[in-house]
Amino acid sequence: MAITRRELITGIAKVGVPAAVAVSVGSQALQAETTPMPTAAVGLLYDATICIGCNA
């Protein structure tokens, strides 16, 4: 019996989610080293549906 795509993705999720939680819980020391966000920070919205591919 071959494994289906659904079974593969479910199996990966069952292993990956607890591993990701373990890594994020263990990264408390890394969060203390982050730089503060500047007050004049801006965001960028990119609409790929109207992109003409000019590479600008």
PDB file of N, CA and C in Angstrom:
ATOM      1  N   MET A   1       0.838  -1.173   0.000  1.00  0.00           N
ATOM      2  CA  MET A   1       0.000   0.000   0.000  1.00  0.00           C
ATOM      3  C   MET A   1       0.888   1.243   0.000  1.00  0.00           C
ATOM      4  N   ALA A   2       0.706   2.124  -0.949  1.00  0.00           N
ATOM      5  CA  ALA A   2       1.514   3.337  -1.057  1.00  0.00           C
ATOM      6  C   ALA A   2       0.945   4.430  -0.162  1.00  0.00           C
ATOM      7  N   ILE A   3       1.803   5.292   0.274  1.00  0.00           N
ATOM      8  CA  ILE A   3       1.367   6.407   1.107  1.00  0.00           C
ATOM      9  C   ILE A   3       0.786   7.499   0.211  1.00  0.00           C
ATOM     10  N   THR A   4      -0.309   8.088   0.646  1.00  0.00           N
ATOM     11  CA  THR A   4      -0.943   9.149  -0.127  1.00  0.00           C
ATOM     12  C   THR A   4      -0.343  10.494   0.257  1.00  0.00           C
ATOM     13  N   ARG A   5      -0.587  11.476  -0.574  1.00  0.00           N
ATOM     14  CA  ARG A   5      -0.087  12.827  -0.305  1.00  0.00           C
ATOM     15  C   ARG A   5      -0.666  13.363   1.005  1.00  0.00           C
ATOM     16  N   ARG A   6      -1.930  13.089   1.243  1.00  0.00           N
ATOM     17  CA  ARG A   6      -2.582  13.556   2.473  1.00  0.00           C
ATOM     18  C   ARG A   6      -1.923  12.944   3.704  1.00  0.00           C
ATOM     19  N   GLU A   7      -1.620  11.644   3.646  1.00  0.00           N
ATOM     20  CA  GLU A   7      -0.961  10.983   4.774  1.00  0.00           C
ATOM     21  C   GLU A   7       0.441  11.534   4.992  1.00  0.00           C
ATOM     22  N   LEU A   8       1.144  11.849   3.906  1.00  0.00           N
ATOM     23  CA  LEU A   8       2.487  12.415   4.024  1.00  0.00           C
ATOM     24  C   LEU A   8       2.452  13.778   4.702  1.00  0.00           C
ATOM     25  N   ILE A   9       1.553  14.639   4.250  1.00  0.00           N
ATOM     26  CA  ILE A   9       1.468  15.984   4.830  1.00  0.00           C
ATOM     27  C   ILE A   9       1.020  15.914   6.287  1.00  0.00           C
ATOM     28  N   THR A  10       0.089  15.028   6.601  1.00  0.00           N
ATOM     29  CA  THR A  10      -0.355  14.858   7.985  1.00  0.00           C
ATOM     30  C   THR A  10       0.785  14.363   8.858  1.00  0.00           C
ATOM     31  N   GLY A  11       1.562  13.423   8.363  1.00  0.00           N
ATOM     32  CA  GLY A  11       2.700  12.914   9.127  1.00  0.00           C
ATOM     33  C   GLY A  11       3.755  13.972   9.375  1.00  0.00           C
ATOM     34  N   ILE A  12       4.029  14.794   8.355  1.00  0.00           N
ATOM     35  CA  ILE A  12       5.005  15.871   8.511  1.00  0.00           C
ATOM     36  C   ILE A  12       4.505  16.889   9.534  1.00  0.00           C
ATOM     37  N   ALA A  13       3.208  17.204   9.484  1.00  0.00           N
ATOM     38  CA  ALA A  13       2.637  18.163  10.428  1.00  0.00           C
ATOM     39  C   ALA A  13       2.692  17.642  11.856  1.00  0.00           C
ATOM     40  N   LYS A  14       2.472  16.348  12.037  1.00  0.00           N
ATOM     41  CA  LYS A  14       2.500  15.770  13.385  1.00  0.00           C
ATOM     42  C   LYS A  14       3.891  15.825  13.988  1.00  0.00           C
ATOM     43  N   VAL A  15       4.913  15.787  13.151  1.00  0.00           N
ATOM     44  CA  VAL A  15       6.289  15.856  13.644  1.00  0.00           C
ATOM     45  C   VAL A  15       6.770  17.302  13.695  1.00  0.00           C
ATOM     46  N   GLY A  16       6.412  18.086  12.692  1.00  0.00           N
ATOM     47  CA  GLY A  16       6.927  19.445  12.562  1.00  0.00           C
ATOM     48  C   GLY A  16       6.382  20.433  13.564  1.00  0.00           C
ATOM     49  N   VAL A  17       5.108  20.342  13.879  1.00  0.00           N
ATOM     50  CA  VAL A  17       4.508  21.310  14.804  1.00  0.00           C
ATOM     51  C   VAL A  17       5.121  21.209  16.198  1.00  0.00           C
ATOM     52  N   PRO A  18       5.226  20.028  16.797  1.00  0.00           N
ATOM     53  CA  PRO A  18       5.866  19.972  18.118  1.00  0.00           C
ATOM     54  C   PRO A  18       7.335  20.406  18.075  1.00  0.00           C
ATOM     55  N   ALA A  19       8.021  20.109  16.985  1.00  0.00           N
ATOM     56  CA  ALA A  19       9.416  20.536  16.872  1.00  0.00           C
ATOM     57  C   ALA A  19       9.508  22.057  16.797  1.00  0.00           C
ATOM     58  N   ALA A  20       8.608  22.685  16.053  1.00  0.00           N
ATOM     59  CA  ALA A  20       8.610  24.143  15.943  1.00  0.00           C
ATOM     60  C   ALA A  20       8.291  24.796  17.288  1.00  0.00           C
ATOM     61  N   VAL A  21       7.370  24.204  18.037  1.00  0.00           N
ATOM     62  CA  VAL A  21       7.033  24.729  19.363  1.00  0.00           C
ATOM     63  C   VAL A  21       8.232  24.602  20.295  1.00  0.00           C
ATOM     64  N   ALA A  22       8.917  23.479  20.231  1.00  0.00           N
ATOM     65  CA  ALA A  22      10.084  23.274  21.092  1.00  0.00           C
ATOM     66  C   ALA A  22      11.182  24.277  20.770  1.00  0.00           C
ATOM     67  N   VAL A  23      11.374  24.564  19.496  1.00  0.00           N
ATOM     68  CA  VAL A  23      12.407  25.529  19.097  1.00  0.00           C
ATOM     69  C   VAL A  23      12.013  26.932  19.525  1.00  0.00           C
ATOM     70  N   SER A  24      10.744  27.301  19.349  1.00  0.00           N
ATOM     71  CA  SER A  24      10.327  28.656  19.709  1.00  0.00           C
ATOM     72  C   SER A  24      10.328  28.872  21.215  1.00  0.00           C
ATOM     73  N   VAL A  25      10.024  27.850  21.991  1.00  0.00           N
ATOM     74  CA  VAL A  25      10.065  27.973  23.442  1.00  0.00           C
ATOM     75  C   VAL A  25      11.507  28.107  23.911  1.00  0.00           C
ATOM     76  N   GLY A  26      12.415  27.425  23.245  1.00  0.00           N
ATOM     77  CA  GLY A  26      13.823  27.486  23.617  1.00  0.00           C
ATOM     78  C   GLY A  26      14.529  28.736  23.143  1.00  0.00           C
ATOM     79  N   SER A  27      13.853  29.605  22.403  1.00  0.00           N
ATOM     80  CA  SER A  27      14.508  30.796  21.866  1.00  0.00           C
ATOM     81  C   SER A  27      14.228  32.045  22.691  1.00  0.00           C
ATOM     82  N   GLN A  28      13.896  31.897  23.951  1.00  0.00           N
ATOM     83  CA  GLN A  28      13.628  33.052  24.803  1.00  0.00           C
ATOM     84  C   GLN A  28      14.857  33.941  24.933  1.00  0.00           C
ATOM     85  N   ALA A  29      16.049  33.364  24.950  1.00  0.00           N
ATOM     86  CA  ALA A  29      17.269  34.155  25.054  1.00  0.00           C
ATOM     87  C   ALA A  29      17.493  34.985  23.797  1.00  0.00           C
ATOM     88  N   LEU A  30      17.088  34.479  22.646  1.00  0.00           N
ATOM     89  CA  LEU A  30      17.263  35.220  21.401  1.00  0.00           C
ATOM     90  C   LEU A  30      16.338  36.421  21.326  1.00  0.00           C
ATOM     91  N   GLN A  31      15.184  36.349  21.938  1.00  0.00           N
ATOM     92  CA  GLN A  31      14.247  37.459  21.890  1.00  0.00           C
ATOM     93  C   GLN A  31      14.768  38.664  22.670  1.00  0.00           C
ATOM     94  N   ALA A  32      15.597  38.464  23.640  1.00  0.00           N
ATOM     95  CA  ALA A  32      16.136  39.567  24.427  1.00  0.00           C
ATOM     96  C   ALA A  32      17.178  40.350  23.636  1.00  0.00           C
ATOM     97  N   GLU A  33      17.751  39.749  22.590  1.00  0.00           N
ATOM     98  CA  GLU A  33      18.801  40.400  21.822  1.00  0.00           C
ATOM     99  C   GLU A  33      18.286  41.160  20.607  1.00  0.00           C
ATOM    100  N   THR A  34      16.987  41.227  20.400  1.00  0.00           N
ATOM    101  CA  THR A  34      16.459  41.903  19.223  1.00  0.00           C
ATOM    102  C   THR A  34      16.611  43.410  19.365  1.00  0.00           C
ATOM    103  N   THR A  35      16.785  44.084  18.243  1.00  0.00           N
ATOM    104  CA  THR A  35      16.906  45.536  18.253  1.00  0.00           C
ATOM    105  C   THR A  35      15.517  46.152  18.302  1.00  0.00           C
ATOM    106  N   PRO A  36      15.389  47.299  18.941  1.00  0.00           N
ATOM    107  CA  PRO A  36      14.066  47.925  19.029  1.00  0.00           C
ATOM    108  C   PRO A  36      13.616  48.449  17.665  1.00  0.00           C
ATOM    109  N   MET A  37      12.308  48.452  17.446  1.00  0.00           N
ATOM    110  CA  MET A  37      11.746  48.937  16.197  1.00  0.00           C
ATOM    111  C   MET A  37      11.789  50.465  16.183  1.00  0.00           C
ATOM    112  N   PRO A  38      12.303  51.071  15.103  1.00  0.00           N
ATOM    113  CA  PRO A  38      12.332  52.533  15.051  1.00  0.00           C
ATOM    114  C   PRO A  38      10.909  53.103  15.006  1.00  0.00           C
ATOM    115  N   THR A  39      10.756  54.308  15.512  1.00  0.00           N
ATOM    116  CA  THR A  39       9.424  54.914  15.565  1.00  0.00           C
ATOM    117  C   THR A  39       8.924  55.300  14.186  1.00  0.00           C
ATOM    118  N   ALA A  40       9.808  55.524  13.238  1.00  0.00           N
ATOM    119  CA  ALA A  40       9.416  55.923  11.888  1.00  0.00           C
ATOM    120  C   ALA A  40       9.416  54.731  10.933  1.00  0.00           C
ATOM    121  N   ALA A  41       9.180  53.524  11.438  1.00  0.00           N
ATOM    122  CA  ALA A  41       9.192  52.335  10.594  1.00  0.00           C
ATOM    123  C   ALA A  41       8.008  52.377   9.627  1.00  0.00           C
ATOM    124  N   VAL A  42       8.238  51.907   8.416  1.00  0.00           N
ATOM    125  CA  VAL A  42       7.192  51.885   7.405  1.00  0.00           C
ATOM    126  C   VAL A  42       7.026  50.468   6.878  1.00  0.00           C
ATOM    127  N   GLY A  43       5.915  50.213   6.253  1.00  0.00           N
ATOM    128  CA  GLY A  43       5.658  48.920   5.633  1.00  0.00           C
ATOM    129  C   GLY A  43       5.534  49.088   4.129  1.00  0.00           C
ATOM    130  N   LEU A  44       5.543  47.976   3.417  1.00  0.00           N
ATOM    131  CA  LEU A  44       5.438  48.020   1.968  1.00  0.00           C
ATOM    132  C   LEU A  44       4.422  46.976   1.539  1.00  0.00           C
ATOM    133  N   LEU A  45       3.453  47.400   0.759  1.00  0.00           N
ATOM    134  CA  LEU A  45       2.462  46.491   0.206  1.00  0.00           C
ATOM    135  C   LEU A  45       2.802  46.274  -1.258  1.00  0.00           C
ATOM    136  N   TYR A  46       2.990  45.014  -1.638  1.00  0.00           N
ATOM    137  CA  TYR A  46       3.372  44.668  -3.001  1.00  0.00           C
ATOM    138  C   TYR A  46       2.253  43.855  -3.618  1.00  0.00           C
ATOM    139  N   ASP A  47       1.669  44.369  -4.683  1.00  0.00           N
ATOM    140  CA  ASP A  47       0.590  43.673  -5.379  1.00  0.00           C
ATOM    141  C   ASP A  47       1.177  42.968  -6.595  1.00  0.00           C
ATOM    142  N   ALA A  48       1.420  41.669  -6.475  1.00  0.00           N
ATOM    143  CA  ALA A  48       2.041  40.908  -7.548  1.00  0.00           C
ATOM    144  C   ALA A  48       1.105  40.704  -8.733  1.00  0.00           C
ATOM    145  N   THR A  49      -0.188  40.988  -8.561  1.00  0.00           N
ATOM    146  CA  THR A  49      -1.117  40.776  -9.672  1.00  0.00           C
ATOM    147  C   THR A  49      -0.991  41.846 -10.744  1.00  0.00           C
ATOM    148  N   ILE A  50      -0.403  43.009 -10.391  1.00  0.00           N
ATOM    149  CA  ILE A  50      -0.246  44.070 -11.390  1.00  0.00           C
ATOM    150  C   ILE A  50       1.211  44.239 -11.801  1.00  0.00           C
ATOM    151  N   CYS A  51       2.072  43.329 -11.394  1.00  0.00           N
ATOM    152  CA  CYS A  51       3.490  43.399 -11.745  1.00  0.00           C
ATOM    153  C   CYS A  51       3.672  43.139 -13.239  1.00  0.00           C
ATOM    154  N   ILE A  52       4.511  43.969 -13.884  1.00  0.00           N
ATOM    155  CA  ILE A  52       4.782  43.773 -15.310  1.00  0.00           C
ATOM    156  C   ILE A  52       6.165  43.172 -15.544  1.00  0.00           C
ATOM    157  N   GLY A  53       6.890  42.884 -14.467  1.00  0.00           N
ATOM    158  CA  GLY A  53       8.178  42.198 -14.588  1.00  0.00           C
ATOM    159  C   GLY A  53       9.321  43.069 -15.039  1.00  0.00           C
ATOM    160  N   CYS A  54       9.364  44.327 -14.626  1.00  0.00           N
ATOM    161  CA  CYS A  54      10.428  45.221 -15.069  1.00  0.00           C
ATOM    162  C   CYS A  54      11.703  45.063 -14.241  1.00  0.00           C
ATOM    163  N   ASN A  55      11.665  44.277 -13.172  1.00  0.00           N
ATOM    164  CA  ASN A  55      12.796  44.046 -12.264  1.00  0.00           C
ATOM    165  C   ASN A  55      13.273  45.324 -11.585  1.00  0.00           C
ATOM    166  N   ALA A  56      12.421  46.316 -11.450  1.00  0.00           N
ATOM    167  CA  ALA A  56      12.819  47.564 -10.788  1.00  0.00           C
ATOM    168  C   ALA A  56      12.731  47.432  -9.302  1.00  0.00           C
TER     169      ALA A  56
END
